């Protein structure tokens, strides 16, 4: 099973080193950056399963990075957890309404971080499974539509009609 990939974007090098070490010990593949501008490019090339994003970064603010991730179809499904020492209600609401999956107040409590990472990755795994099942359903629907009317296909897929073979002897 592939290892989940986590990108940490944190301008404080000591905090970044501590978080990289801790998250790596949890068994994740981790990469860290201190610069917001470099982070935008790295999100695309590293293809993380989760981003831990400091709100206050040099060059490119965390909110700009968050919005860029969420507006790009290639990265929009990546959960982004925003971290900040500014945990005012307004800040939290703006981050969450801009697409952050979680808000983590600094100083970071590692037990809380662990649970939030696990929950976000579990939710991502289920979302991906659901997408795969929807794609499979669409393929099956397309295949059935070659031979049956769309009304009949919808009834078969919604299980209103049993898809078993049968008939009557005359």
Protein backbone atom coordinates (compact mmCIF):
# COMPACT_ATOMS: atom_id res chain seq x y z
CA UNK A 1 0.00 0.00 0.00
CA UNK A 2 1.47 3.38 -0.95
CA UNK A 3 2.45 5.82 1.76
CA UNK A 4 0.37 8.97 2.08
CA UNK A 5 2.29 12.10 1.12
CA UNK A 6 2.11 15.23 3.27
CA UNK A 7 3.44 18.64 2.30
CA UNK A 8 4.18 20.99 5.20
CA UNK A 9 4.44 24.69 4.37
CA UNK A 10 5.78 26.52 7.44
CA UNK A 11 8.05 29.59 7.51
CA UNK A 12 9.57 28.85 10.93
CA UNK A 13 12.42 26.45 10.13
CA UNK A 14 12.57 25.02 13.67
CA UNK A 15 8.81 24.37 13.70
CA UNK A 16 9.05 22.86 10.21
CA UNK A 17 11.86 20.52 11.24
CA UNK A 18 9.92 19.41 14.33
CA UNK A 19 6.73 18.80 12.35
CA UNK A 20 8.58 16.95 9.56
CA UNK A 21 10.22 14.66 12.08
CA UNK A 22 6.97 14.00 13.95
CA UNK A 23 4.82 13.40 10.87
CA UNK A 24 7.53 11.16 9.35
CA UNK A 25 7.51 9.07 12.54
CA UNK A 26 3.78 8.51 11.96
CA UNK A 27 4.73 6.73 8.73
CA UNK A 28 3.94 9.39 6.15
CA UNK A 29 6.17 10.60 3.33
CA UNK A 30 6.83 14.23 4.21
CA UNK A 31 8.24 17.22 2.40
CA UNK A 32 8.57 20.70 3.86
CA UNK A 33 8.93 24.21 2.50
CA UNK A 34 9.41 27.59 4.14
CA UNK A 35 8.47 29.77 1.17
CA UNK A 36 4.94 30.36 -0.11
CA UNK A 37 5.92 31.01 -3.72
CA UNK A 38 7.84 27.73 -4.00
CA UNK A 39 4.95 25.94 -2.30
CA UNK A 40 2.52 26.67 -5.13
CA UNK A 41 4.75 24.86 -7.63
CA UNK A 42 5.60 22.04 -5.24
CA UNK A 43 1.95 21.21 -4.59
CA UNK A 44 1.63 20.31 -8.28
CA UNK A 45 4.89 18.37 -8.61
CA UNK A 46 4.87 16.54 -5.25
CA UNK A 47 1.16 15.67 -5.52
CA UNK A 48 0.53 15.46 -1.78
CA UNK A 49 -2.45 13.72 -0.21
CA UNK A 50 -2.58 16.44 2.46
CA UNK A 51 -1.17 19.95 2.92
CA UNK A 52 -0.36 21.51 6.30
CA UNK A 53 -0.27 25.24 5.55
CA UNK A 54 0.95 28.08 7.74
CA UNK A 55 -1.26 31.11 7.26
CA UNK A 56 1.57 33.65 7.62
CA UNK A 57 4.26 33.03 5.01
CA UNK A 58 6.83 35.26 3.32
CA UNK A 59 6.28 36.20 -0.35
CA UNK A 60 2.89 34.50 -0.82
CA UNK A 61 0.38 34.50 2.06
CA UNK A 62 -1.18 31.20 3.09
CA UNK A 63 -4.66 32.34 2.03
CA UNK A 64 -3.44 32.85 -1.54
CA UNK A 65 -1.95 29.35 -1.56
CA UNK A 66 -5.16 27.88 -0.11
CA UNK A 67 -7.31 29.59 -2.75
CA UNK A 68 -4.93 28.53 -5.53
CA UNK A 69 -5.06 24.89 -4.42
CA UNK A 70 -8.85 24.92 -4.17
CA UNK A 71 -9.40 26.70 -7.52
CA UNK A 72 -7.18 24.33 -9.52
CA UNK A 73 -9.07 21.20 -10.70
CA UNK A 74 -5.84 19.19 -10.44
CA UNK A 75 -5.43 19.95 -6.72
CA UNK A 76 -8.90 20.91 -5.44
CA UNK A 77 -9.54 17.56 -3.71
CA UNK A 78 -6.38 17.80 -1.58
CA UNK A 79 -7.29 18.46 2.06
CA UNK A 80 -5.57 21.59 3.37
CA UNK A 81 -5.15 22.17 7.09
CA UNK A 82 -4.39 25.79 7.91
CA UNK A 83 -2.15 26.50 10.90
CA UNK A 84 -1.93 29.86 12.64
CA UNK A 85 -1.40 31.49 16.00
CA UNK A 86 -4.21 33.87 15.04
CA UNK A 87 -7.14 31.72 16.11
CA UNK A 88 -9.70 34.53 16.17
CA UNK A 89 -13.16 33.35 15.16
CA UNK A 90 -13.12 35.52 12.04
CA UNK A 91 -9.79 34.03 10.89
CA UNK A 92 -11.03 30.47 11.40
CA UNK A 93 -14.28 31.17 9.52
CA UNK A 94 -12.46 32.81 6.59
CA UNK A 95 -10.05 29.85 6.31
CA UNK A 96 -12.77 27.21 6.48
CA UNK A 97 -15.05 29.07 4.07
CA UNK A 98 -12.12 29.40 1.65
CA UNK A 99 -11.75 25.63 1.47
CA UNK A 100 -9.55 24.59 4.39
CA UNK A 101 -10.56 21.22 5.76
CA UNK A 102 -9.31 22.07 9.26
CA UNK A 103 -7.91 24.94 11.27
CA UNK A 104 -5.10 24.13 13.71
CA UNK A 105 -4.23 26.72 16.33
CA UNK A 106 -0.59 27.29 17.22
CA UNK A 107 1.15 26.18 19.32
CA UNK A 108 0.34 22.85 17.72
CA UNK A 109 -0.63 19.98 19.95
CA UNK A 110 0.82 16.88 18.31
CA UNK A 111 -1.93 14.52 19.51
CA UNK A 112 -4.57 16.78 17.95
CA UNK A 113 -2.51 17.07 14.76
CA UNK A 114 -2.23 13.27 14.55
CA UNK A 115 -5.99 12.78 14.83
CA UNK A 116 -6.77 15.52 12.31
CA UNK A 117 -4.29 14.11 9.79
CA UNK A 118 -5.70 10.59 10.20
CA UNK A 119 -9.28 11.82 9.85
CA UNK A 120 -8.54 13.93 6.77
CA UNK A 121 -6.69 11.11 5.03
CA UNK A 122 -9.44 8.61 5.89
CA UNK A 123 -12.06 10.98 4.47
CA UNK A 124 -9.93 11.46 1.33
CA UNK A 125 -9.65 7.68 0.94
CA UNK A 126 -13.44 7.29 1.15
CA UNK A 127 -13.98 10.18 -1.27
CA UNK A 128 -11.63 8.52 -3.78
CA UNK A 129 -13.38 5.16 -3.36
CA UNK A 130 -16.74 6.84 -3.93
CA UNK A 131 -15.43 8.50 -7.10
CA UNK A 132 -14.17 5.13 -8.36
CA UNK A 133 -17.53 3.52 -7.67
CA UNK A 134 -19.35 6.37 -9.44
CA UNK A 135 -17.08 5.96 -12.46
CA UNK A 136 -17.75 2.20 -12.47
CA UNK A 137 -21.49 2.85 -12.26
CA UNK A 138 -21.29 5.27 -15.18
CA UNK A 139 -19.38 2.69 -17.26
CA UNK A 140 -21.99 0.02 -16.44
CA UNK A 141 -24.80 2.42 -17.23
CA UNK A 142 -23.20 3.26 -20.57
CA UNK A 143 -22.80 -0.43 -21.39
CA UNK A 144 -26.40 -1.23 -20.48
CA UNK A 145 -27.64 1.78 -22.45
CA UNK A 146 -26.38 0.14 -25.62
CA UNK A 147 -28.97 -2.62 -25.25
CA UNK A 148 -31.79 -1.14 -23.16
CA UNK A 149 -33.73 2.11 -22.95
CA UNK A 150 -32.49 4.68 -20.45
CA UNK A 151 -35.67 4.24 -18.34
CA UNK A 152 -35.02 0.50 -18.06
CA UNK A 153 -31.34 1.04 -17.28
CA UNK A 154 -32.22 3.49 -14.49
CA UNK A 155 -34.67 0.95 -13.01
CA UNK A 156 -32.07 -1.84 -13.16
CA UNK A 157 -29.39 0.32 -11.52
CA UNK A 158 -31.76 1.56 -8.82
CA UNK A 159 -32.69 -2.10 -8.24
CA UNK A 160 -36.37 -1.55 -9.03
CA UNK A 161 -35.96 -4.41 -11.50
CA UNK A 162 -33.85 -7.43 -10.58
CA UNK A 163 -30.98 -7.86 -13.06
CA UNK A 164 -31.30 -11.68 -13.09
CA UNK A 165 -32.06 -13.70 -16.17
CA UNK A 166 -35.47 -15.27 -16.31
CA UNK A 167 -38.54 -15.71 -18.37
CA UNK A 168 -41.53 -17.93 -19.02
CA UNK A 169 -41.81 -21.19 -20.88
CA UNK A 170 -44.57 -21.23 -23.46
